[in-house]
């Protein structure tokens, strides 16, 4: 589990902390024909399926959409399962996904949360 966490799903776990919401299967939409054409024009390999990740919780800029390929999508879904498994092992009550991410952020090394609002301060200044 440790190897899988760090090497296979670590970047996806970090991305979930940055996004601040749970990526669920029903939030991924395959790109349209026109979007695939644009992706090809941008130099991306379109030999695999690509998705937009859409959620009302994700505050993207105008004309900006988060896209992921099939492998990245699967990594995000697996990372969400890993986060959920941490939450299932406690008696704590979670009212929303932010509560879950706050809880899990205390269990993971800071590298996973360092660029998110769930960042924890592990060292304290003493005067």
Protein backbone atom coordinates (compact mmCIF):
# COMPACT_ATOMS: atom_id res chain seq x y z
CA UNK A 1 0.00 0.00 0.00
CA UNK A 2 2.84 2.44 0.82
CA UNK A 3 4.54 1.90 -2.55
CA UNK A 4 1.23 2.29 -4.39
CA UNK A 5 0.43 5.42 -2.39
CA UNK A 6 3.68 7.22 -3.12
CA UNK A 7 4.60 6.08 -6.61
CA UNK A 8 1.37 5.24 -8.38
CA UNK A 9 -1.24 7.47 -6.78
CA UNK A 10 0.72 10.18 -4.96
CA UNK A 11 0.34 12.79 -7.70
CA UNK A 12 -3.40 12.08 -7.93
CA UNK A 13 -3.82 12.37 -4.16
CA UNK A 14 -2.02 15.72 -4.26
CA UNK A 15 -4.29 16.83 -7.10
CA UNK A 16 -7.41 15.97 -5.10
CA UNK A 17 -6.13 18.15 -2.23
CA UNK A 18 -5.52 20.97 -4.72
CA UNK A 19 -8.95 20.58 -6.30
CA UNK A 20 -10.71 20.28 -2.96
CA UNK A 21 -13.46 17.96 -4.18
CA UNK A 22 -14.00 14.27 -4.75
CA UNK A 23 -13.53 13.18 -8.35
CA UNK A 24 -16.38 10.80 -9.11
CA UNK A 25 -16.97 8.83 -12.28
CA UNK A 26 -19.98 10.97 -13.21
CA UNK A 27 -17.84 14.13 -13.25
CA UNK A 28 -15.68 12.97 -16.17
CA UNK A 29 -16.92 13.73 -19.69
CA UNK A 30 -15.18 12.56 -22.82
CA UNK A 31 -13.91 15.37 -25.02
CA UNK A 32 -15.91 16.39 -28.05
CA UNK A 33 -14.62 15.93 -31.58
CA UNK A 34 -13.69 19.63 -31.70
CA UNK A 35 -11.83 19.39 -28.38
CA UNK A 36 -9.86 16.38 -29.64
CA UNK A 37 -8.90 18.40 -32.72
CA UNK A 38 -7.67 21.24 -30.49
CA UNK A 39 -5.75 18.79 -28.30
CA UNK A 40 -4.06 17.34 -31.39
CA UNK A 41 -3.23 20.86 -32.58
CA UNK A 42 -1.66 21.52 -29.16
CA UNK A 43 0.65 18.55 -29.71
CA UNK A 44 -0.99 16.04 -27.37
CA UNK A 45 -1.16 12.33 -28.14
CA UNK A 46 -4.82 11.58 -28.74
CA UNK A 47 -4.45 7.83 -29.20
CA UNK A 48 -6.23 7.34 -25.88
CA UNK A 49 -9.46 8.69 -24.44
CA UNK A 50 -9.37 12.14 -22.83
CA UNK A 51 -11.87 13.61 -20.39
CA UNK A 52 -12.95 16.94 -18.98
CA UNK A 53 -13.30 16.95 -15.20
CA UNK A 54 -16.32 19.09 -14.43
CA UNK A 55 -17.70 19.93 -11.03
CA UNK A 56 -19.57 22.85 -9.53
CA UNK A 57 -16.99 22.80 -6.70
CA UNK A 58 -14.11 23.37 -9.11
CA UNK A 59 -13.65 27.09 -9.62
CA UNK A 60 -11.91 27.28 -12.96
CA UNK A 61 -11.12 30.42 -14.89
CA UNK A 62 -13.32 31.44 -17.82
CA UNK A 63 -12.52 29.33 -20.90
CA UNK A 64 -10.42 26.93 -18.80
CA UNK A 65 -11.22 23.26 -18.42
CA UNK A 66 -9.28 20.58 -16.60
CA UNK A 67 -8.60 17.65 -18.90
CA UNK A 68 -7.09 14.28 -18.09
CA UNK A 69 -6.30 11.16 -20.06
CA UNK A 70 -7.65 7.71 -19.21
CA UNK A 71 -4.69 6.82 -16.98
CA UNK A 72 -4.92 10.09 -15.04
CA UNK A 73 -8.67 9.60 -14.61
CA UNK A 74 -8.14 6.13 -13.17
CA UNK A 75 -5.43 7.45 -10.84
CA UNK A 76 -7.76 10.18 -9.55
CA UNK A 77 -10.53 7.64 -8.92
CA UNK A 78 -8.08 5.32 -7.12
CA UNK A 79 -6.76 8.24 -5.05
CA UNK A 80 -10.32 9.07 -4.01
CA UNK A 81 -10.72 5.44 -2.85
CA UNK A 82 -7.50 5.69 -0.84
CA UNK A 83 -8.72 8.88 0.86
CA UNK A 84 -12.07 7.21 1.55
CA UNK A 85 -10.33 4.16 3.06
CA UNK A 86 -8.54 6.40 5.57
CA UNK A 87 -11.89 7.92 6.55
CA UNK A 88 -13.61 4.56 6.92
CA UNK A 89 -11.07 3.46 9.53
CA UNK A 90 -12.25 6.03 12.06
CA UNK A 91 -15.34 6.74 14.10
CA UNK A 92 -15.18 10.39 13.11
CA UNK A 93 -18.20 11.98 11.45
CA UNK A 94 -17.58 13.87 8.22
CA UNK A 95 -20.13 16.46 7.14
CA UNK A 96 -18.55 17.13 3.75
CA UNK A 97 -15.53 16.29 1.62
CA UNK A 98 -13.51 19.16 3.11
CA UNK A 99 -13.86 17.44 6.50
CA UNK A 100 -12.47 14.25 4.99
CA UNK A 101 -9.56 16.04 3.35
CA UNK A 102 -8.75 17.89 6.58
CA UNK A 103 -8.74 14.60 8.47
CA UNK A 104 -6.59 12.75 5.92
CA UNK A 105 -4.18 15.68 5.61
CA UNK A 106 -3.15 14.98 9.20
CA UNK A 107 -2.29 11.38 8.34
CA UNK A 108 -0.21 11.95 5.21
CA UNK A 109 3.23 13.48 4.79
CA UNK A 110 3.06 17.21 4.02
CA UNK A 111 4.20 16.68 0.42
CA UNK A 112 0.64 15.63 -0.46
CA UNK A 113 -1.00 18.80 0.83
CA UNK A 114 1.73 21.44 0.56
CA UNK A 115 0.16 23.28 -2.37
CA UNK A 116 -3.42 23.15 -1.12
CA UNK A 117 -5.68 24.84 1.40
CA UNK A 118 -5.39 21.66 3.48
CA UNK A 119 -1.70 22.30 4.14
CA UNK A 120 -0.74 21.59 7.76
CA UNK A 121 2.02 23.30 9.59
CA UNK A 122 4.17 20.49 10.95
CA UNK A 123 6.86 22.68 12.48
CA UNK A 124 6.15 25.50 14.85
CA UNK A 125 8.23 28.57 15.58
CA UNK A 126 9.17 28.89 19.22
CA UNK A 127 10.10 32.29 20.57
